Amino acid sequence: MKDTFRLLLTILFLSTGALAQIPVTPPGGGSTGTVTSVSVASANGVSGTVANPTSTPSISLSLGAITPTSVNGATLSNSAGTTTAGLNIGTGTPAIPLSGSVYIVPGTSPGALSTNSVVIGVGAGSSTAQSNQILIGNGVTSGINNTVSIGNSSITSTFLQGRVSAPVVMSGGTRFGLSGCSNTTNLGGTSAGSFVSGTSGTCTVVVTIAGGLAATTGWACHANDITTPANLISETAFTTTTVTLSGTTVTGDLINFACIGY
C-alpha cells in the first residue's frame, strides 16, 4: 500500500511538470536525491509510455490481459492465442483446455479429454474423447456424448431437494437378479426389466435389486404379462432388497416389471 501511495504521489507531482522537485529516499534510509528521468516497466498486464521523460514527463498507462498462472496454489491455464476457450484448475488438468470445457481436476490427470464439457473431481474425465458431458466426482468417467454423470460406484445414496422433473426416467446400472419360474432372457437395469416365463401355471419369481442397493422400507412394484395380458402378475412380498412377484403364466410369456423403493 505504501508503494502504491508513493507511485500515485509521484504521478501527481509529475503532472505539474516539476520533475527535479520530486524528493526520493532510498529504501532503508540514506541520502536523498531527485528524479532525473521517468520510465514505466511493464508487468502483470500493465504497460505504459512516457513522453518527455527528463523534463516534463507525461505518463500514459494501459491495462492489458492479466493472466495469472495460479490462484491460492491452484494452477490455472487457458488457451489464450488459440481459437478455443476453456478453464483448467488443478495440477491434473490438461495444458490447454478443449473448446468450451472447464476442468477442475486436482492432483491426478483426467482420462480422455472432452470438449464443451464440465469435469470436476480427482481422476475424472471421459473414457473416450467425447463432447457435451458433465462429469462430477472422484474418478467419474463416461464414454457417451451429451450425458451427465454424478458420483462413482461407491456412492450409495443421492439426496435431492424439491420436485425432480425429467422427460424420461430409465433404470440403468447392473441388471437385477432373478430366481424361480424357470425364467430366461433377463433384460433391464437395477430395478426394472423383463424376463420370459418357463412355467405354465403359477409363476413365482424373486427379484433382487442389483448393485447392493437397499430401500429404507421396501419396494413397490407392478408387473405385466405382455404376451397374455389377461394373466395378472402381482407383488406378494418384499424386503429392503428383494421383491416377490407371482401370477399365472404360459411358458414363453414375456413379463415386464418396474419397482420403486420407499
Protein backbone atom coordinates (compact mmCIF):
# COMPACT_ATOMS: atom_id res chain seq x y z
CA MET A 1 0.00 0.00 0.00
CA LYS A 2 2.88 2.37 0.85
CA ASP A 3 4.47 1.78 -2.57
CA THR A 4 1.16 2.36 -4.32
CA PHE A 5 0.65 5.64 -2.46
CA ARG A 6 4.17 6.71 -3.32
CA LEU A 7 3.54 5.96 -7.02
CA LEU A 8 0.32 7.97 -7.02
CA LEU A 9 2.06 10.84 -5.25
CA THR A 10 4.86 10.73 -7.79
CA ILE A 11 2.42 10.85 -10.70
CA LEU A 12 0.69 13.80 -9.04
CA PHE A 13 4.00 15.65 -8.87
CA LEU A 14 4.79 14.71 -12.45
CA SER A 15 1.55 16.27 -13.62
CA THR A 16 2.96 19.62 -12.51
CA GLY A 17 5.91 19.21 -14.83
CA ALA A 18 8.37 19.92 -11.97
CA LEU A 19 10.48 16.80 -12.35
CA ALA A 20 13.52 18.00 -10.37
CA GLN A 21 11.40 18.86 -7.34
CA ILE A 22 10.45 15.25 -6.52
CA PRO A 23 12.43 14.02 -3.49
CA VAL A 24 13.48 10.37 -3.42
CA THR A 25 14.54 8.44 -0.32
CA PRO A 26 16.31 5.13 -0.96
CA PRO A 27 14.88 2.00 0.77
CA GLY A 28 16.21 1.69 4.31
CA GLY A 29 17.06 5.36 4.59
CA GLY A 30 20.21 7.09 3.40
CA SER A 31 20.85 10.11 1.23
CA THR A 32 18.06 11.76 -0.68
CA GLY A 33 18.13 12.81 -4.30
CA THR A 34 15.99 13.96 -7.17
CA VAL A 35 14.34 12.20 -10.12
CA THR A 36 16.12 12.95 -13.37
CA SER A 37 14.28 10.58 -15.72
CA VAL A 38 10.98 8.68 -15.66
CA SER A 39 10.14 5.34 -17.28
CA VAL A 40 7.44 2.68 -16.93
CA ALA A 41 8.27 -1.03 -16.55
CA SER A 42 5.54 -3.30 -17.98
CA ALA A 43 4.42 -6.05 -15.61
CA ASN A 44 1.30 -8.11 -14.74
CA GLY A 45 -0.64 -6.84 -17.71
CA VAL A 46 0.07 -3.15 -17.03
CA SER A 47 2.21 -1.20 -19.51
CA GLY A 48 2.86 2.45 -20.20
CA THR A 49 4.74 5.09 -22.12
CA VAL A 50 6.38 8.33 -21.01
CA ALA A 51 6.59 11.47 -23.09
CA ASN A 52 9.36 13.96 -22.15
CA PRO A 53 10.89 11.62 -19.55
CA THR A 54 13.67 14.04 -18.48
CA SER A 55 11.81 17.33 -18.37
CA THR A 56 8.03 17.49 -18.11
CA PRO A 57 7.05 13.81 -18.23
CA SER A 58 3.58 12.70 -19.26
CA ILE A 59 2.74 9.10 -18.34
CA SER A 60 0.15 7.03 -20.22
CA LEU A 61 -0.81 3.70 -18.65
CA SER A 62 -2.76 0.88 -20.32
CA LEU A 63 -4.27 -2.28 -18.83
CA GLY A 64 -3.75 -5.37 -20.93
CA ALA A 65 -4.65 -9.01 -20.40
CA ILE A 66 -4.00 -10.12 -16.83
CA THR A 67 -3.04 -13.81 -16.96
CA PRO A 68 -2.05 -15.26 -13.58
CA THR A 69 -0.70 -18.81 -13.59
CA SER A 70 -2.09 -19.72 -10.18
CA VAL A 71 -4.64 -18.64 -7.57
CA ASN A 72 -4.15 -19.72 -3.94
CA GLY A 73 -1.87 -22.51 -5.07
CA ALA A 74 -4.25 -23.83 -7.77
CA THR A 75 -2.68 -23.91 -11.23
CA LEU A 76 -4.54 -22.03 -13.94
CA SER A 77 -4.07 -22.44 -17.66
CA ASN A 78 -6.04 -21.34 -20.68
CA SER A 79 -5.92 -21.37 -24.42
CA ALA A 80 -5.06 -17.72 -24.97
CA GLY A 81 -3.94 -17.14 -28.54
CA THR A 82 -5.93 -20.05 -29.95
CA THR A 83 -9.44 -20.35 -31.31
CA THR A 84 -10.60 -22.46 -28.34
CA ALA A 85 -11.58 -21.28 -24.88
CA GLY A 86 -11.68 -23.07 -21.55
CA LEU A 87 -10.57 -23.08 -17.94
CA ASN A 88 -8.39 -25.51 -16.02
CA ILE A 89 -7.86 -25.52 -12.26
CA GLY A 90 -5.60 -28.12 -10.66
CA THR A 91 -2.33 -29.89 -11.33
CA GLY A 92 -4.04 -32.75 -13.10
CA THR A 93 -5.65 -30.64 -15.81
CA PRO A 94 -4.58 -30.67 -19.46
CA ALA A 95 -2.12 -27.96 -20.50
CA ILE A 96 -4.61 -26.45 -22.96
CA PRO A 97 -8.32 -26.97 -22.32
CA LEU A 98 -10.51 -28.02 -25.18
CA SER A 99 -13.16 -25.76 -26.64
CA GLY A 100 -15.70 -24.59 -24.08
CA SER A 101 -14.57 -27.00 -21.35
CA VAL A 102 -13.97 -26.45 -17.64
CA TYR A 103 -11.62 -28.86 -15.85
CA ILE A 104 -11.24 -28.85 -12.04
CA VAL A 105 -9.16 -31.96 -11.54
CA PRO A 106 -6.63 -31.60 -8.69
CA GLY A 107 -3.73 -33.96 -8.28
CA THR A 108 -4.46 -36.64 -10.87
CA SER A 109 -4.65 -36.35 -14.63
CA PRO A 110 -8.09 -36.90 -16.13
CA GLY A 111 -8.95 -39.52 -18.69
CA ALA A 112 -9.53 -38.65 -22.34
CA LEU A 113 -10.38 -35.00 -22.93
CA SER A 114 -13.93 -33.93 -23.68
CA THR A 115 -14.94 -30.73 -25.48
CA ASN A 116 -17.72 -28.38 -24.35
CA SER A 117 -17.82 -30.17 -21.00
CA VAL A 118 -17.54 -29.68 -17.24
CA VAL A 119 -15.25 -32.11 -15.40
CA ILE A 120 -14.85 -31.91 -11.60
CA GLY A 121 -13.04 -34.48 -9.47
CA VAL A 122 -9.74 -36.28 -9.00
CA GLY A 123 -9.17 -38.55 -11.99
CA ALA A 124 -12.50 -37.57 -13.55
CA GLY A 125 -12.67 -37.49 -17.32
CA SER A 126 -14.18 -39.03 -20.40
CA SER A 127 -13.20 -42.64 -21.02
CA THR A 128 -13.01 -41.73 -24.71
CA ALA A 129 -12.88 -38.33 -26.38
CA GLN A 130 -16.46 -37.04 -26.25
CA SER A 131 -18.44 -33.78 -26.21
CA ASN A 132 -21.05 -32.05 -24.02
CA GLN A 133 -20.52 -34.03 -20.83
CA ILE A 134 -20.89 -33.14 -17.15
CA LEU A 135 -18.72 -35.42 -15.00
CA ILE A 136 -18.67 -34.79 -11.24
CA GLY A 137 -16.95 -36.97 -8.67
CA ASN A 138 -13.79 -38.87 -7.82
CA GLY A 139 -12.79 -40.97 -10.83
CA VAL A 140 -16.10 -40.44 -12.64
CA THR A 141 -15.87 -41.37 -16.32
CA SER A 142 -18.24 -41.71 -19.25
CA GLY A 143 -17.82 -42.64 -22.88
CA ILE A 144 -21.12 -41.24 -24.13
CA ASN A 145 -21.78 -37.81 -25.67
CA ASN A 146 -24.41 -35.48 -24.19
CA THR A 147 -24.56 -37.14 -20.76
CA VAL A 148 -24.37 -36.18 -17.07
CA SER A 149 -22.54 -38.49 -14.63
CA ILE A 150 -22.55 -37.65 -10.91
CA GLY A 151 -20.80 -39.86 -8.38
CA ASN A 152 -18.77 -43.06 -8.70
CA SER A 153 -19.73 -46.64 -7.90
CA SER A 154 -19.02 -46.10 -4.18
CA ILE A 155 -21.94 -43.66 -3.86
CA THR A 156 -24.91 -45.40 -2.21
CA SER A 157 -27.40 -42.52 -1.96
CA THR A 158 -28.05 -39.24 -3.76
CA PHE A 159 -30.20 -36.65 -1.99
CA LEU A 160 -32.11 -34.04 -3.99
CA GLN A 161 -34.45 -31.42 -2.59
CA GLY A 162 -37.72 -30.26 -4.14
CA ARG A 163 -39.54 -31.63 -7.16
CA VAL A 164 -37.44 -33.54 -9.71
CA SER A 165 -38.63 -33.22 -13.30
CA ALA A 166 -37.33 -35.29 -16.21
CA PRO A 167 -38.77 -36.21 -19.60
CA VAL A 168 -37.75 -39.86 -19.15
CA VAL A 169 -36.59 -41.93 -16.15
CA MET A 170 -34.74 -45.15 -17.00
CA SER A 171 -33.47 -47.97 -14.80
CA GLY A 172 -29.78 -48.35 -15.61
CA GLY A 173 -26.79 -49.83 -13.87
CA THR A 174 -26.26 -53.51 -13.11
CA ARG A 175 -29.14 -55.77 -14.13
CA PHE A 176 -31.42 -57.16 -11.40
CA GLY A 177 -31.11 -60.73 -10.15
CA LEU A 178 -34.00 -63.17 -10.74
CA SER A 179 -34.83 -66.67 -9.45
CA GLY A 180 -37.79 -69.01 -9.97
CA CYS A 181 -40.29 -69.80 -12.74
CA SER A 182 -37.54 -71.31 -14.94
CA ASN A 183 -37.05 -67.78 -16.23
CA THR A 184 -34.86 -66.89 -19.22
CA THR A 185 -33.90 -63.85 -21.30
CA ASN A 186 -33.49 -61.37 -18.47
CA LEU A 187 -33.17 -57.78 -19.71
CA GLY A 188 -33.16 -54.42 -17.90
CA GLY A 189 -31.48 -52.37 -15.23
CA THR A 190 -31.16 -52.28 -11.45
CA SER A 191 -34.86 -52.25 -10.55
CA ALA A 192 -36.84 -52.72 -13.77
CA GLY A 193 -36.77 -55.04 -16.74
CA SER A 194 -38.29 -58.13 -18.31
CA PHE A 195 -37.96 -61.91 -18.43
CA VAL A 196 -39.52 -64.87 -20.20
CA SER A 197 -41.51 -67.33 -18.12
CA GLY A 198 -40.60 -71.02 -18.32
CA THR A 199 -43.71 -72.16 -16.45
CA SER A 200 -47.29 -72.89 -17.47
CA GLY A 201 -49.37 -72.32 -14.36
CA THR A 202 -48.34 -70.41 -11.24
CA CYS A 203 -45.14 -68.47 -11.86
CA THR A 204 -43.38 -67.05 -8.79
CA VAL A 205 -40.10 -65.14 -9.07
CA VAL A 206 -37.91 -63.32 -6.57
CA VAL A 207 -36.33 -60.13 -7.94
CA THR A 208 -33.12 -59.00 -6.25
CA ILE A 209 -32.38 -55.31 -6.65
CA ALA A 210 -28.88 -55.03 -8.11
CA GLY A 211 -25.87 -53.01 -7.03
CA GLY A 212 -26.30 -53.71 -3.34
CA LEU A 213 -28.99 -51.01 -3.17
CA ALA A 214 -31.36 -51.24 -0.24
CA ALA A 215 -34.61 -49.32 0.19
CA THR A 216 -35.40 -47.73 3.54
CA THR A 217 -38.55 -49.83 3.95
CA GLY A 218 -39.26 -51.84 0.81
CA TRP A 219 -40.18 -51.81 -2.88
CA ALA A 220 -43.47 -51.15 -4.66
CA CYS A 221 -43.60 -52.97 -7.99
CA HIS A 222 -46.01 -53.51 -10.83
CA ALA A 223 -45.74 -56.28 -13.44
CA ASN A 224 -47.47 -57.22 -16.68
CA ASP A 225 -47.82 -60.34 -18.79
CA ILE A 226 -47.20 -58.79 -22.20
CA THR A 227 -47.94 -62.00 -24.13
CA THR A 228 -51.13 -62.88 -22.26
CA PRO A 229 -52.49 -59.62 -20.78
CA ALA A 230 -55.41 -61.38 -19.06
CA ASN A 231 -52.94 -63.12 -16.74
CA LEU A 232 -52.33 -60.91 -13.71
CA ILE A 233 -48.93 -60.67 -12.05
CA SER A 234 -48.89 -59.23 -8.50
CA GLU A 235 -46.36 -58.33 -5.84
CA THR A 236 -46.79 -60.72 -2.92
CA ALA A 237 -43.81 -59.94 -0.66
CA PHE A 238 -40.83 -57.64 -0.28
CA THR A 239 -37.73 -56.90 1.78
CA THR A 240 -35.41 -53.91 1.59
CA THR A 241 -33.51 -55.62 -1.25
CA THR A 242 -35.93 -58.13 -2.85
CA VAL A 243 -39.43 -58.37 -4.28
CA THR A 244 -41.59 -61.45 -4.89
CA LEU A 245 -43.89 -61.45 -7.94
CA SER A 246 -46.44 -64.16 -8.62
CA GLY A 247 -49.19 -64.95 -11.13
CA THR A 248 -50.38 -67.34 -13.78
CA THR A 249 -48.33 -67.59 -16.98
CA VAL A 250 -47.83 -69.77 -20.01
CA THR A 251 -44.36 -70.98 -20.94
CA GLY A 252 -42.84 -68.39 -23.26
CA ASP A 253 -44.84 -65.44 -21.90
CA LEU A 254 -42.91 -62.16 -21.75
CA ILE A 255 -43.21 -60.47 -18.34
CA ASN A 256 -42.04 -56.95 -17.58
CA PHE A 257 -41.89 -55.13 -14.23
CA ALA A 258 -40.71 -51.93 -12.54
CA CYS A 259 -40.01 -51.21 -8.87
CA ILE A 260 -39.68 -48.02 -6.81
CA GLY A 261 -38.01 -48.05 -3.44
CA TYR A 262 -39.53 -46.26 -0.45
